[in-house]
Amino acid sequence: MPNCPECDTPLDFEVDEVDEGDIVACDECGTEFEIVGTEPLELAHVDEDKLDEEDDELLDEEEEEE
């Protein structure tokens, strides 16, 4: 089990159970990370603005399909 890069608390997931692009959060400090690599494990801070933009894009695509 990997540790949180922010507070060093063990993160509650197994490396072999996640894929690139998955979002994981630290139960202790609440920081969210995106899995950017699995071998070796690489985590990147989630950019909230980027997530909001991606959510908006998905909603736009769903509306266009209707």
C-alpha atoms as a PDB file:
ATOM      1  CA  MET A   1       0.000   0.000   0.000  1.00  0.00           C
ATOM      2  CA  PRO A   2       1.522   3.377  -1.006  1.00  0.00           C
ATOM      3  CA  ASN A   3       1.768   6.397   1.289  1.00  0.00           C
ATOM      4  CA  CYS A   4       0.265   9.841   0.728  1.00  0.00           C
ATOM      5  CA  PRO A   5       2.912  12.223  -0.642  1.00  0.00           C
ATOM      6  CA  GLU A   6       1.392  15.046   1.458  1.00  0.00           C
ATOM      7  CA  CYS A   7       1.066  13.538   4.936  1.00  0.00           C
ATOM      8  CA  ASP A   8       2.753  10.104   4.602  1.00  0.00           C
ATOM      9  CA  THR A   9      -0.406   8.250   5.718  1.00  0.00           C
ATOM     10  CA  PRO A  10      -0.958   4.896   3.971  1.00  0.00           C
ATOM     11  CA  LEU A  11      -3.407   5.271   1.076  1.00  0.00           C
ATOM     12  CA  ASP A  12      -6.290   2.804   1.107  1.00  0.00           C
ATOM     13  CA  PHE A  13      -5.760   1.009  -2.218  1.00  0.00           C
ATOM     14  CA  GLU A  14      -3.580  -1.676  -3.688  1.00  0.00           C
ATOM     15  CA  VAL A  15      -1.381  -0.716  -6.624  1.00  0.00           C
ATOM     16  CA  ASP A  16      -2.553  -3.684  -8.704  1.00  0.00           C
ATOM     17  CA  GLU A  17      -6.213  -2.605  -8.267  1.00  0.00           C
ATOM     18  CA  VAL A  18      -5.932   0.845  -9.923  1.00  0.00           C
ATOM     19  CA  ASP A  19      -5.525   2.004 -13.506  1.00  0.00           C
ATOM     20  CA  GLU A  20      -4.058   5.134 -15.036  1.00  0.00           C
ATOM     21  CA  GLY A  21      -6.586   7.961 -14.803  1.00  0.00           C
ATOM     22  CA  ASP A  22      -8.187   6.734 -11.571  1.00  0.00           C
ATOM     23  CA  ILE A  23      -8.602   9.263  -8.760  1.00  0.00           C
ATOM     24  CA  VAL A  24      -7.673   8.306  -5.195  1.00  0.00           C
ATOM     25  CA  ALA A  25      -7.979  10.377  -2.027  1.00  0.00           C
ATOM     26  CA  CYS A  26      -6.117  10.334   1.237  1.00  0.00           C
ATOM     27  CA  ASP A  27      -8.447   9.525   4.135  1.00  0.00           C
ATOM     28  CA  GLU A  28      -6.293  11.572   6.518  1.00  0.00           C
ATOM     29  CA  CYS A  29      -5.644  14.886   4.730  1.00  0.00           C
ATOM     30  CA  GLY A  30      -8.250  14.650   1.941  1.00  0.00           C
ATOM     31  CA  THR A  31      -5.822  15.391  -0.881  1.00  0.00           C
ATOM     32  CA  GLU A  32      -6.892  13.847  -4.193  1.00  0.00           C
ATOM     33  CA  PHE A  33      -4.422  12.294  -6.587  1.00  0.00           C
ATOM     34  CA  GLU A  34      -4.698  11.008 -10.133  1.00  0.00           C
ATOM     35  CA  ILE A  35      -2.906   7.784 -10.999  1.00  0.00           C
ATOM     36  CA  VAL A  36      -0.609   8.831 -13.860  1.00  0.00           C
ATOM     37  CA  GLY A  37       1.459   5.653 -13.924  1.00  0.00           C
ATOM     38  CA  THR A  38       1.172   2.175 -12.483  1.00  0.00           C
ATOM     39  CA  GLU A  39       4.622   0.643 -12.999  1.00  0.00           C
ATOM     40  CA  PRO A  40       6.106   2.322 -11.083  1.00  0.00           C
ATOM     41  CA  LEU A  41       3.216   4.010  -9.293  1.00  0.00           C
ATOM     42  CA  GLU A  42       3.052   7.727 -10.076  1.00  0.00           C
ATOM     43  CA  LEU A  43       0.581  10.098  -8.432  1.00  0.00           C
ATOM     44  CA  ALA A  44      -0.220  13.671  -9.439  1.00  0.00           C
ATOM     45  CA  HIS A  45      -2.266  16.252  -7.550  1.00  0.00           C
ATOM     46  CA  VAL A  46      -5.742  16.577  -8.983  1.00  0.00           C
ATOM     47  CA  ASP A  47      -6.356  20.022 -10.418  1.00  0.00           C
ATOM     48  CA  GLU A  48      -9.928  20.895  -9.368  1.00  0.00           C
ATOM     49  CA  ASP A  49     -10.323  23.378 -12.255  1.00  0.00           C
ATOM     50  CA  LYS A  50      -9.319  20.683 -14.732  1.00  0.00           C
ATOM     51  CA  LEU A  51     -11.869  18.261 -13.241  1.00  0.00           C
ATOM     52  CA  ASP A  52     -14.608  20.871 -13.493  1.00  0.00           C
ATOM     53  CA  GLU A  53     -13.744  21.460 -17.166  1.00  0.00           C
ATOM     54  CA  GLU A  54     -13.782  17.711 -17.883  1.00  0.00           C
ATOM     55  CA  ASP A  55     -17.163  17.358 -16.147  1.00  0.00           C
ATOM     56  CA  ASP A  56     -18.541  20.244 -18.221  1.00  0.00           C
ATOM     57  CA  GLU A  57     -17.222  18.629 -21.425  1.00  0.00           C
ATOM     58  CA  LEU A  58     -18.891  15.324 -20.542  1.00  0.00           C
ATOM     59  CA  LEU A  59     -22.208  17.080 -19.867  1.00  0.00           C
ATOM     60  CA  ASP A  60     -21.945  18.929 -23.190  1.00  0.00           C
ATOM     61  CA  GLU A  61     -21.296  15.646 -25.036  1.00  0.00           C
ATOM     62  CA  GLU A  62     -24.279  13.986 -23.332  1.00  0.00           C
ATOM     63  CA  GLU A  63     -26.550  16.886 -24.266  1.00  0.00           C
ATOM     64  CA  GLU A  64     -25.408  16.720 -27.907  1.00  0.00           C
ATOM     65  CA  GLU A  65     -26.240  12.993 -28.049  1.00  0.00           C
ATOM     66  CA  GLU A  66     -29.853  13.581 -26.934  1.00  0.00           C
END
